[in-house]
Amino acid sequence: MVEPGALELRLAASSAGIRHTARLTLTGPLRELGPDRRLVCGTEVSDGA
């Protein structure tokens, strides 16, 4: 389920080391997602070189 409303995103090195916080608001209608719904987020890992 995706509900509109206020959210807070946190970037941290650990649960005790929050470095950045961003507040945002989701808008739009309530969305109910079925059990077959797959949410995929692409990622990339590099060695920094």
C-alpha atoms as a PDB file:
ATOM      1  CA  MET A   1       0.000   0.000   0.000  1.00  0.00           C
ATOM      2  CA  VAL A   2       1.291   3.454  -0.879  1.00  0.00           C
ATOM      3  CA  GLU A   3      -0.339   6.236   1.104  1.00  0.00           C
ATOM      4  CA  PRO A   4      -0.015   9.960   0.498  1.00  0.00           C
ATOM      5  CA  GLY A   5       1.492  11.904   3.384  1.00  0.00           C
ATOM      6  CA  ALA A   6       4.655  13.233   4.988  1.00  0.00           C
ATOM      7  CA  LEU A   7       7.877  11.185   4.935  1.00  0.00           C
ATOM      8  CA  GLU A   8      11.391  11.679   6.188  1.00  0.00           C
ATOM      9  CA  LEU A   9      14.341  10.099   4.378  1.00  0.00           C
ATOM     10  CA  ARG A  10      17.593   9.655   6.260  1.00  0.00           C
ATOM     11  CA  LEU A  11      21.100   9.005   4.936  1.00  0.00           C
ATOM     12  CA  ALA A  12      23.339   7.409   7.527  1.00  0.00           C
ATOM     13  CA  ALA A  13      26.550   5.475   7.985  1.00  0.00           C
ATOM     14  CA  SER A  14      24.811   3.597  10.813  1.00  0.00           C
ATOM     15  CA  SER A  15      21.573   3.805  12.793  1.00  0.00           C
ATOM     16  CA  ALA A  16      23.311   6.180  15.201  1.00  0.00           C
ATOM     17  CA  GLY A  17      25.146   8.238  12.561  1.00  0.00           C
ATOM     18  CA  ILE A  18      22.466  10.110  10.580  1.00  0.00           C
ATOM     19  CA  ARG A  19      24.234  12.540   8.236  1.00  0.00           C
ATOM     20  CA  HIS A  20      21.421  13.993   6.111  1.00  0.00           C
ATOM     21  CA  THR A  21      17.655  14.237   6.429  1.00  0.00           C
ATOM     22  CA  ALA A  22      15.168  15.136   3.682  1.00  0.00           C
ATOM     23  CA  ARG A  23      11.500  15.755   4.359  1.00  0.00           C
ATOM     24  CA  LEU A  24       9.009  15.252   1.558  1.00  0.00           C
ATOM     25  CA  THR A  25       5.310  14.773   0.963  1.00  0.00           C
ATOM     26  CA  LEU A  26       3.797  12.083  -1.253  1.00  0.00           C
ATOM     27  CA  THR A  27       0.718  13.294  -3.093  1.00  0.00           C
ATOM     28  CA  GLY A  28      -1.932  11.510  -5.099  1.00  0.00           C
ATOM     29  CA  PRO A  29      -4.448   8.765  -4.458  1.00  0.00           C
ATOM     30  CA  LEU A  30      -3.979   5.795  -2.148  1.00  0.00           C
ATOM     31  CA  ARG A  31      -2.560   2.832  -4.115  1.00  0.00           C
ATOM     32  CA  GLU A  32      -3.066  -0.745  -3.055  1.00  0.00           C
ATOM     33  CA  LEU A  33      -0.494  -3.091  -4.548  1.00  0.00           C
ATOM     34  CA  GLY A  34      -1.221  -6.785  -5.023  1.00  0.00           C
ATOM     35  CA  PRO A  35       1.036  -9.614  -3.840  1.00  0.00           C
ATOM     36  CA  ASP A  36       2.351 -10.089  -7.387  1.00  0.00           C
ATOM     37  CA  ARG A  37       3.623  -6.496  -7.608  1.00  0.00           C
ATOM     38  CA  ARG A  38       7.429  -6.298  -7.760  1.00  0.00           C
ATOM     39  CA  LEU A  39       9.163  -3.036  -7.002  1.00  0.00           C
ATOM     40  CA  VAL A  40      12.654  -3.000  -8.466  1.00  0.00           C
ATOM     41  CA  CYS A  41      15.304  -0.409  -7.788  1.00  0.00           C
ATOM     42  CA  GLY A  42      18.370  -0.508  -9.991  1.00  0.00           C
ATOM     43  CA  THR A  43      21.723  -0.281  -8.205  1.00  0.00           C
ATOM     44  CA  GLU A  44      25.315   0.154  -9.212  1.00  0.00           C
ATOM     45  CA  VAL A  45      28.408  -0.570  -7.131  1.00  0.00           C
ATOM     46  CA  SER A  46      31.828   0.799  -8.008  1.00  0.00           C
ATOM     47  CA  ASP A  47      35.203   0.803  -6.327  1.00  0.00           C
ATOM     48  CA  GLY A  48      35.514   4.579  -6.747  1.00  0.00           C
ATOM     49  CA  ALA A  49      38.440   4.317  -9.166  1.00  0.00           C
END
